[in-house]
Structures are given as C-alpha cells and as structure tokens.
Amino acid sequence: MFSKQEAQQLKKEFWTAFGKSFPRKWILYDTKVKDMSFKFYADNKKAEVSLDIEMKDEIFRNAYYEKIWSLEDILKDFTGDFQKEEYFTLDNGKVISRIWVEKHNVSIFNKNTWQEIFEFFREKMDGFERFYYEYEDFIKDI
C-alpha cells in the first residue's frame, strides 16, 4: 500500500513517462465543440480512453451523442469494441454521455504494466482521433 504522497508521486511519474513515450499533441479538449473532449484515465485496476460529452443542456448533449452513435459501426472499425452510456453519472454526480474503451488488469501503481497501458492509450486514442477527424464536420453539424 502506498501513502497518499507516494501515490501522487507515482501518478506524476506515470503521466510524465507516458508523455515521454508518446510525445505528440493529442486532441483531448481541442475538439472545437464546447464541453466535448477525449480523455485518458488510469487507476489501480484499469485504463480507459473516452469521449466525454458534457454539455449541461441535455438536448445538445443527446444530439451529439446520437450523431456519434449513428456512426457506431464506423467507430468500432477505428477503436474496436467499446462501451457507451447516454446517461453516465460521474463521481461528482454530474450526468454526461460517454463512449469509451477500457483495459483491465493493469494499474497506474504497477510500473510493470505501464508500457501495456501506454500502448493501449496510444492505439485507442489514435483510433478515436482518426474517427473524429474523418467525421468531424458531420459530428459538429448540430
């Protein structure tokens, strides 16, 4: 078990190592759509790459979700199998729409799994980004 400070240090080392392993500019928050972003996530059990649609206005959030969902088979070609939830509740209680892929049995606290996580992040985020660039005009046309 790690102290809170040790855990924070390991997380910092993890993200620094990832940035050095794959030094590129990811889309992340630069989708040109307010409150829609791509995210990396890792904890002590899994790693995730997600597309989060976080508009407060449920009508707009659902419209973007439905646009992306209408391209389901194409998205699967870019990312492989994924999960989706139109009404995903974050830990803070906020409801968003989320489409994501995850890898289990890896841990941000186990350096032996870092490279596996890094490769997963690179492959899946690259797929999400290629999909988004290819269909960006269609997705943004709300």
N, C-alpha and C. Protein backbone atom coordinates (compact mmCIF):
# COMPACT_ATOMS: atom_id res chain seq x y z
N MET A 1 0.84 -1.18 0.00
CA MET A 1 0.00 0.00 0.00
C MET A 1 0.89 1.24 0.00
N PHE A 2 0.42 2.24 -0.66
CA PHE A 2 1.18 3.48 -0.78
C PHE A 2 0.54 4.57 0.08
N SER A 3 1.37 5.47 0.56
CA SER A 3 0.84 6.65 1.23
C SER A 3 0.23 7.55 0.16
N LYS A 4 -0.55 8.51 0.57
CA LYS A 4 -1.16 9.44 -0.38
C LYS A 4 -0.08 10.16 -1.19
N GLN A 5 0.98 10.56 -0.52
CA GLN A 5 2.07 11.26 -1.20
C GLN A 5 2.80 10.34 -2.19
N GLU A 6 3.02 9.08 -1.80
CA GLU A 6 3.68 8.13 -2.70
C GLU A 6 2.80 7.86 -3.92
N ALA A 7 1.50 7.74 -3.69
CA ALA A 7 0.56 7.50 -4.79
C ALA A 7 0.58 8.69 -5.76
N GLN A 8 0.57 9.91 -5.23
CA GLN A 8 0.61 11.10 -6.08
C GLN A 8 1.91 11.13 -6.90
N GLN A 9 3.01 10.77 -6.27
CA GLN A 9 4.30 10.76 -6.96
C GLN A 9 4.31 9.72 -8.08
N LEU A 10 3.77 8.54 -7.81
CA LEU A 10 3.70 7.50 -8.84
C LEU A 10 2.84 7.95 -10.01
N LYS A 11 1.70 8.59 -9.72
CA LYS A 11 0.83 9.10 -10.78
C LYS A 11 1.57 10.14 -11.62
N LYS A 12 2.30 11.02 -10.97
CA LYS A 12 3.06 12.04 -11.69
C LYS A 12 4.11 11.38 -12.58
N GLU A 13 4.82 10.38 -12.05
CA GLU A 13 5.82 9.65 -12.83
C GLU A 13 5.17 8.94 -14.02
N PHE A 14 4.01 8.36 -13.78
CA PHE A 14 3.28 7.64 -14.84
C PHE A 14 2.97 8.59 -16.01
N TRP A 15 2.35 9.72 -15.72
CA TRP A 15 1.95 10.64 -16.78
C TRP A 15 3.16 11.26 -17.47
N THR A 16 4.22 11.51 -16.73
CA THR A 16 5.46 12.03 -17.32
C THR A 16 6.06 10.99 -18.26
N ALA A 17 6.09 9.73 -17.81
CA ALA A 17 6.64 8.65 -18.64
C ALA A 17 5.79 8.46 -19.90
N PHE A 18 4.48 8.56 -19.76
CA PHE A 18 3.62 8.43 -20.94
C PHE A 18 3.91 9.55 -21.94
N GLY A 19 4.02 10.76 -21.45
CA GLY A 19 4.32 11.90 -22.32
C GLY A 19 5.65 11.75 -23.04
N LYS A 20 6.63 11.18 -22.36
CA LYS A 20 7.94 10.96 -22.98
C LYS A 20 7.91 9.81 -23.96
N SER A 21 7.09 8.80 -23.68
CA SER A 21 6.98 7.64 -24.58
C SER A 21 6.25 7.99 -25.87
N PHE A 22 5.25 8.86 -25.76
CA PHE A 22 4.45 9.25 -26.93
C PHE A 22 4.33 10.77 -26.95
N PRO A 23 5.42 11.44 -27.33
CA PRO A 23 5.42 12.92 -27.32
C PRO A 23 4.69 13.49 -28.53
N ARG A 24 3.40 13.54 -28.44
CA ARG A 24 2.61 14.13 -29.51
C ARG A 24 1.47 14.93 -28.90
N LYS A 25 0.90 15.77 -29.71
CA LYS A 25 -0.22 16.59 -29.25
C LYS A 25 -1.51 15.82 -29.57
N TRP A 26 -2.21 15.44 -28.53
CA TRP A 26 -3.49 14.74 -28.68
C TRP A 26 -4.60 15.79 -28.79
N ILE A 27 -5.73 15.43 -29.37
CA ILE A 27 -6.87 16.36 -29.47
C ILE A 27 -7.35 16.75 -28.07
N LEU A 28 -7.65 15.79 -27.26
CA LEU A 28 -8.19 15.94 -25.90
C LEU A 28 -9.29 16.99 -25.84
N TYR A 29 -9.00 18.20 -25.34
CA TYR A 29 -10.05 19.22 -25.18
C TYR A 29 -10.19 20.11 -26.42
N ASP A 30 -9.38 19.90 -27.43
CA ASP A 30 -9.37 20.77 -28.61
C ASP A 30 -10.26 20.21 -29.73
N THR A 31 -11.49 19.81 -29.39
CA THR A 31 -12.42 19.27 -30.38
C THR A 31 -13.15 20.35 -31.15
N LYS A 32 -13.03 21.58 -30.70
CA LYS A 32 -13.76 22.73 -31.26
C LYS A 32 -15.26 22.64 -30.96
N VAL A 33 -15.63 21.74 -30.04
CA VAL A 33 -17.00 21.64 -29.55
C VAL A 33 -16.93 21.82 -28.04
N LYS A 34 -17.60 22.87 -27.56
CA LYS A 34 -17.56 23.16 -26.12
C LYS A 34 -18.13 21.97 -25.34
N ASP A 35 -17.41 21.58 -24.32
CA ASP A 35 -17.82 20.51 -23.41
C ASP A 35 -17.85 19.12 -24.05
N MET A 36 -17.02 18.91 -25.07
CA MET A 36 -16.83 17.58 -25.62
C MET A 36 -15.32 17.35 -25.71
N SER A 37 -14.85 16.26 -25.09
CA SER A 37 -13.41 16.05 -25.04
C SER A 37 -13.06 14.57 -24.97
N PHE A 38 -11.83 14.30 -25.37
CA PHE A 38 -11.26 12.96 -25.27
C PHE A 38 -10.43 12.92 -24.00
N LYS A 39 -10.45 11.77 -23.31
CA LYS A 39 -9.73 11.69 -22.04
C LYS A 39 -9.01 10.35 -21.88
N PHE A 40 -7.88 10.44 -21.20
CA PHE A 40 -7.15 9.27 -20.74
C PHE A 40 -7.47 9.10 -19.26
N TYR A 41 -7.55 7.86 -18.80
CA TYR A 41 -7.78 7.61 -17.38
C TYR A 41 -7.09 6.31 -17.01
N ALA A 42 -6.48 6.28 -15.85
CA ALA A 42 -5.90 5.05 -15.32
C ALA A 42 -6.02 5.07 -13.80
N ASP A 43 -6.28 3.90 -13.23
CA ASP A 43 -6.30 3.77 -11.78
C ASP A 43 -5.62 2.46 -11.39
N ASN A 44 -5.96 1.91 -10.26
CA ASN A 44 -5.28 0.72 -9.79
C ASN A 44 -5.83 -0.58 -10.37
N LYS A 45 -6.85 -0.50 -11.24
CA LYS A 45 -7.46 -1.70 -11.80
C LYS A 45 -7.58 -1.70 -13.32
N LYS A 46 -7.60 -0.50 -13.92
CA LYS A 46 -7.87 -0.44 -15.36
C LYS A 46 -7.36 0.85 -15.97
N ALA A 47 -7.39 0.89 -17.29
CA ALA A 47 -7.08 2.09 -18.05
C ALA A 47 -8.24 2.31 -19.01
N GLU A 48 -8.55 3.58 -19.29
CA GLU A 48 -9.65 3.93 -20.19
C GLU A 48 -9.25 5.07 -21.12
N VAL A 49 -9.82 5.03 -22.30
CA VAL A 49 -9.79 6.16 -23.23
C VAL A 49 -11.25 6.44 -23.54
N SER A 50 -11.65 7.70 -23.39
CA SER A 50 -13.07 8.00 -23.56
C SER A 50 -13.30 9.28 -24.36
N LEU A 51 -14.51 9.35 -24.90
CA LEU A 51 -15.04 10.57 -25.48
C LEU A 51 -16.17 10.98 -24.55
N ASP A 52 -16.00 12.10 -23.87
CA ASP A 52 -17.00 12.59 -22.92
C ASP A 52 -17.74 13.78 -23.51
N ILE A 53 -19.05 13.69 -23.49
CA ILE A 53 -19.92 14.76 -23.97
C ILE A 53 -20.59 15.32 -22.73
N GLU A 54 -20.19 16.54 -22.33
CA GLU A 54 -20.54 17.05 -21.01
C GLU A 54 -21.42 18.29 -21.02
N MET A 55 -22.13 18.56 -22.11
CA MET A 55 -22.98 19.74 -22.16
C MET A 55 -24.02 19.69 -21.04
N LYS A 56 -24.26 20.82 -20.42
CA LYS A 56 -25.29 20.91 -19.38
C LYS A 56 -26.68 20.76 -20.00
N ASP A 57 -26.83 21.29 -21.20
CA ASP A 57 -28.11 21.22 -21.90
C ASP A 57 -28.28 19.79 -22.45
N GLU A 58 -29.21 19.06 -21.87
CA GLU A 58 -29.41 17.66 -22.23
C GLU A 58 -29.76 17.48 -23.71
N ILE A 59 -30.47 18.43 -24.29
CA ILE A 59 -30.85 18.33 -25.70
C ILE A 59 -29.61 18.33 -26.59
N PHE A 60 -28.69 19.25 -26.33
CA PHE A 60 -27.45 19.29 -27.12
C PHE A 60 -26.60 18.06 -26.85
N ARG A 61 -26.47 17.69 -25.58
CA ARG A 61 -25.66 16.51 -25.23
C ARG A 61 -26.20 15.28 -25.97
N ASN A 62 -27.50 15.09 -25.95
CA ASN A 62 -28.10 13.94 -26.61
C ASN A 62 -27.94 14.02 -28.13
N ALA A 63 -28.01 15.23 -28.67
CA ALA A 63 -27.85 15.39 -30.13
C ALA A 63 -26.46 14.96 -30.57
N TYR A 64 -25.43 15.39 -29.84
CA TYR A 64 -24.06 14.97 -30.18
C TYR A 64 -23.88 13.47 -29.98
N TYR A 65 -24.42 12.95 -28.90
CA TYR A 65 -24.32 11.52 -28.64
C TYR A 65 -24.97 10.73 -29.77
N GLU A 66 -26.17 11.14 -30.17
CA GLU A 66 -26.88 10.44 -31.24
C GLU A 66 -26.12 10.52 -32.57
N LYS A 67 -25.51 11.68 -32.85
CA LYS A 67 -24.70 11.82 -34.08
C LYS A 67 -23.58 10.80 -34.08
N ILE A 68 -22.85 10.74 -32.98
CA ILE A 68 -21.73 9.81 -32.90
C ILE A 68 -22.24 8.38 -32.92
N TRP A 69 -23.31 8.13 -32.19
CA TRP A 69 -23.87 6.79 -32.14
C TRP A 69 -24.35 6.33 -33.52
N SER A 70 -24.79 7.26 -34.37
CA SER A 70 -25.23 6.88 -35.71
C SER A 70 -24.07 6.32 -36.54
N LEU A 71 -22.86 6.56 -36.09
CA LEU A 71 -21.65 6.07 -36.77
C LEU A 71 -21.04 4.88 -36.02
N GLU A 72 -21.85 4.17 -35.26
CA GLU A 72 -21.38 3.10 -34.39
C GLU A 72 -20.45 2.11 -35.08
N ASP A 73 -20.88 1.56 -36.21
CA ASP A 73 -20.06 0.55 -36.88
C ASP A 73 -18.73 1.12 -37.37
N ILE A 74 -18.76 2.36 -37.81
CA ILE A 74 -17.53 3.01 -38.27
C ILE A 74 -16.60 3.24 -37.08
N LEU A 75 -17.15 3.72 -35.97
CA LEU A 75 -16.34 3.93 -34.77
C LEU A 75 -15.69 2.63 -34.33
N LYS A 76 -16.43 1.54 -34.39
CA LYS A 76 -15.89 0.23 -33.99
C LYS A 76 -14.71 -0.15 -34.87
N ASP A 77 -14.76 0.22 -36.16
CA ASP A 77 -13.62 -0.05 -37.05
C ASP A 77 -12.36 0.68 -36.59
N PHE A 78 -12.52 1.85 -36.00
CA PHE A 78 -11.38 2.66 -35.55
C PHE A 78 -10.89 2.27 -34.15
N THR A 79 -11.80 1.85 -33.26
CA THR A 79 -11.41 1.64 -31.86
C THR A 79 -11.53 0.20 -31.39
N GLY A 80 -12.19 -0.64 -32.16
CA GLY A 80 -12.52 -1.97 -31.66
C GLY A 80 -13.76 -1.86 -30.78
N ASP A 81 -14.03 -2.90 -30.02
CA ASP A 81 -15.21 -2.89 -29.15
C ASP A 81 -15.13 -1.76 -28.14
N PHE A 82 -16.27 -1.15 -27.89
CA PHE A 82 -16.32 -0.05 -26.95
C PHE A 82 -17.61 -0.13 -26.15
N GLN A 83 -17.67 0.67 -25.12
CA GLN A 83 -18.88 0.77 -24.31
C GLN A 83 -19.46 2.17 -24.50
N LYS A 84 -20.74 2.28 -24.23
CA LYS A 84 -21.38 3.58 -24.36
C LYS A 84 -22.43 3.71 -23.28
N GLU A 85 -22.63 4.93 -22.85
CA GLU A 85 -23.69 5.19 -21.90
C GLU A 85 -24.17 6.61 -22.13
N GLU A 86 -25.45 6.73 -22.50
CA GLU A 86 -26.01 8.04 -22.80
C GLU A 86 -26.15 8.89 -21.54
N TYR A 87 -26.41 8.23 -20.41
CA TYR A 87 -26.57 8.94 -19.14
C TYR A 87 -25.59 8.35 -18.13
N PHE A 88 -24.35 8.75 -18.26
CA PHE A 88 -23.27 8.27 -17.39
C PHE A 88 -23.10 9.25 -16.23
N THR A 89 -23.14 8.75 -15.02
CA THR A 89 -23.02 9.62 -13.84
C THR A 89 -21.58 9.58 -13.32
N LEU A 90 -20.96 10.74 -13.28
CA LEU A 90 -19.60 10.87 -12.75
C LEU A 90 -19.64 10.78 -11.22
N ASP A 91 -18.47 10.59 -10.61
CA ASP A 91 -18.38 10.51 -9.14
C ASP A 91 -18.96 11.75 -8.46
N ASN A 92 -18.87 12.91 -9.14
CA ASN A 92 -19.37 14.15 -8.54
C ASN A 92 -20.88 14.35 -8.76
N GLY A 93 -21.54 13.37 -9.40
CA GLY A 93 -22.98 13.45 -9.60
C GLY A 93 -23.40 14.03 -10.95
N LYS A 94 -22.46 14.61 -11.68
CA LYS A 94 -22.78 15.20 -12.99
C LYS A 94 -23.09 14.08 -13.99
N VAL A 95 -24.13 14.30 -14.79
CA VAL A 95 -24.53 13.33 -15.81
C VAL A 95 -23.97 13.79 -17.15
N ILE A 96 -23.25 12.89 -17.81
CA ILE A 96 -22.67 13.15 -19.13
C ILE A 96 -23.04 11.99 -20.04
N SER A 97 -22.66 12.08 -21.30
CA SER A 97 -22.70 10.94 -22.21
C SER A 97 -21.26 10.53 -22.45
N ARG A 98 -21.01 9.23 -22.46
CA ARG A 98 -19.63 8.74 -22.58
C ARG A 98 -19.58 7.54 -23.50
N ILE A 99 -18.55 7.54 -24.33
CA ILE A 99 -18.21 6.39 -25.17
C ILE A 99 -16.77 6.07 -24.82
N TRP A 100 -16.48 4.81 -24.48
CA TRP A 100 -15.13 4.52 -24.01
C TRP A 100 -14.71 3.08 -24.29
N VAL A 101 -13.39 2.91 -24.22
CA VAL A 101 -12.77 1.58 -24.29
C VAL A 101 -11.94 1.43 -23.02
N GLU A 102 -11.83 0.20 -22.55
CA GLU A 102 -11.06 0.01 -21.32
C GLU A 102 -10.23 -1.25 -21.38
N LYS A 103 -9.19 -1.24 -20.60
CA LYS A 103 -8.29 -2.38 -20.45
C LYS A 103 -8.20 -2.68 -18.96
N HIS A 104 -8.51 -3.93 -18.62
CA HIS A 104 -8.50 -4.35 -17.21
C HIS A 104 -7.17 -5.02 -16.85
N ASN A 105 -6.98 -5.23 -15.57
CA ASN A 105 -5.81 -5.92 -15.02
C ASN A 105 -4.51 -5.19 -15.28
N VAL A 106 -4.58 -3.87 -15.27
CA VAL A 106 -3.39 -3.02 -15.32
C VAL A 106 -3.55 -2.01 -14.20
N SER A 107 -2.43 -1.42 -13.79
CA SER A 107 -2.50 -0.48 -12.68
C SER A 107 -1.49 0.65 -12.84
N ILE A 108 -1.96 1.84 -12.58
CA ILE A 108 -1.08 3.00 -12.59
C ILE A 108 -0.01 2.86 -11.49
N PHE A 109 -0.27 2.02 -10.49
CA PHE A 109 0.66 1.83 -9.38
C PHE A 109 1.62 0.66 -9.59
N ASN A 110 1.52 -0.02 -10.73
CA ASN A 110 2.41 -1.13 -11.03
C ASN A 110 3.22 -0.78 -12.28
N LYS A 111 4.47 -0.40 -12.09
CA LYS A 111 5.29 0.03 -13.22
C LYS A 111 5.45 -1.07 -14.28
N ASN A 112 5.25 -2.33 -13.88
CA ASN A 112 5.35 -3.43 -14.84
C ASN A 112 4.22 -3.41 -15.87
N THR A 113 3.14 -2.69 -15.59
CA THR A 113 2.03 -2.62 -16.55
C THR A 113 1.99 -1.29 -17.30
N TRP A 114 2.89 -0.39 -16.97
CA TRP A 114 2.86 0.93 -17.60
C TRP A 114 2.96 0.85 -19.11
N GLN A 115 3.90 0.09 -19.63
CA GLN A 115 4.08 0.04 -21.09
C GLN A 115 2.82 -0.50 -21.76
N GLU A 116 2.18 -1.46 -21.13
CA GLU A 116 0.92 -2.02 -21.65
C GLU A 116 -0.16 -0.93 -21.70
N ILE A 117 -0.23 -0.13 -20.65
CA ILE A 117 -1.19 0.98 -20.61
C ILE A 117 -0.84 2.02 -21.69
N PHE A 118 0.44 2.36 -21.78
CA PHE A 118 0.86 3.36 -22.77
C PHE A 118 0.47 2.92 -24.18
N GLU A 119 0.73 1.66 -24.51
CA GLU A 119 0.39 1.15 -25.84
C GLU A 119 -1.13 1.17 -26.06
N PHE A 120 -1.88 0.79 -25.04
CA PHE A 120 -3.33 0.84 -25.11
C PHE A 120 -3.80 2.27 -25.35
N PHE A 121 -3.28 3.22 -24.56
CA PHE A 121 -3.64 4.62 -24.74
C PHE A 121 -3.35 5.08 -26.16
N ARG A 122 -2.15 4.80 -26.65
CA ARG A 122 -1.75 5.26 -27.98
C ARG A 122 -2.67 4.68 -29.05
N GLU A 123 -2.88 3.38 -29.00
CA GLU A 123 -3.69 2.73 -30.02
C GLU A 123 -5.14 3.22 -30.01
N LYS A 124 -5.74 3.26 -28.83
CA LYS A 124 -7.16 3.59 -28.75
C LYS A 124 -7.42 5.09 -28.97
N MET A 125 -6.57 5.95 -28.40
CA MET A 125 -6.77 7.38 -28.63
C MET A 125 -6.52 7.72 -30.09
N ASP A 126 -5.53 7.09 -30.69
CA ASP A 126 -5.29 7.32 -32.11
C ASP A 126 -6.52 6.92 -32.93
N GLY A 127 -7.16 5.81 -32.57
CA GLY A 127 -8.38 5.40 -33.27
C GLY A 127 -9.50 6.40 -33.09
N PHE A 128 -9.71 6.87 -31.84
CA PHE A 128 -10.74 7.88 -31.59
C PHE A 128 -10.46 9.15 -32.39
N GLU A 129 -9.21 9.58 -32.39
CA GLU A 129 -8.86 10.82 -33.10
C GLU A 129 -9.04 10.66 -34.61
N ARG A 130 -8.60 9.56 -35.19
CA ARG A 130 -8.77 9.36 -36.64
C ARG A 130 -10.25 9.36 -36.99
N PHE A 131 -11.06 8.70 -36.18
CA PHE A 131 -12.51 8.70 -36.37
C PHE A 131 -13.04 10.13 -36.33
N TYR A 132 -12.63 10.88 -35.31
CA TYR A 132 -13.14 12.24 -35.14
C TYR A 132 -12.74 13.14 -36.31
N TYR A 133 -11.48 13.08 -36.71
CA TYR A 133 -11.03 13.90 -37.84
C TYR A 133 -11.79 13.55 -39.12
N GLU A 134 -12.05 12.27 -39.32
CA GLU A 134 -12.74 11.82 -40.53
C GLU A 134 -14.19 12.30 -40.57
N TYR A 135 -14.86 12.33 -39.41
CA TYR A 135 -16.30 12.64 -39.35
C TYR A 135 -16.60 13.92 -38.58
N GLU A 136 -15.60 14.73 -38.36
CA GLU A 136 -15.74 15.96 -37.57
C GLU A 136 -16.84 16.88 -38.09
N ASP A 137 -16.87 17.13 -39.39
CA ASP A 137 -17.89 18.05 -39.94
C ASP A 137 -19.30 17.51 -39.69
N PHE A 138 -19.49 16.22 -39.87
CA PHE A 138 -20.79 15.61 -39.64
C PHE A 138 -21.17 15.71 -38.16
N ILE A 139 -20.24 15.39 -37.28
CA ILE A 139 -20.50 15.40 -35.84
C ILE A 139 -20.84 16.81 -35.36
N LYS A 140 -20.10 17.79 -35.83
CA LYS A 140 -20.27 19.17 -35.36
C LYS A 140 -21.50 19.87 -35.94
N ASP A 141 -22.11 19.30 -36.96
CA ASP A 141 -23.25 19.92 -37.62
C ASP A 141 -24.54 19.68 -36.83
N ILE A 142 -24.69 20.39 -35.73
CA ILE A 142 -25.88 20.26 -34.87
C ILE A 142 -26.73 21.52 -35.02
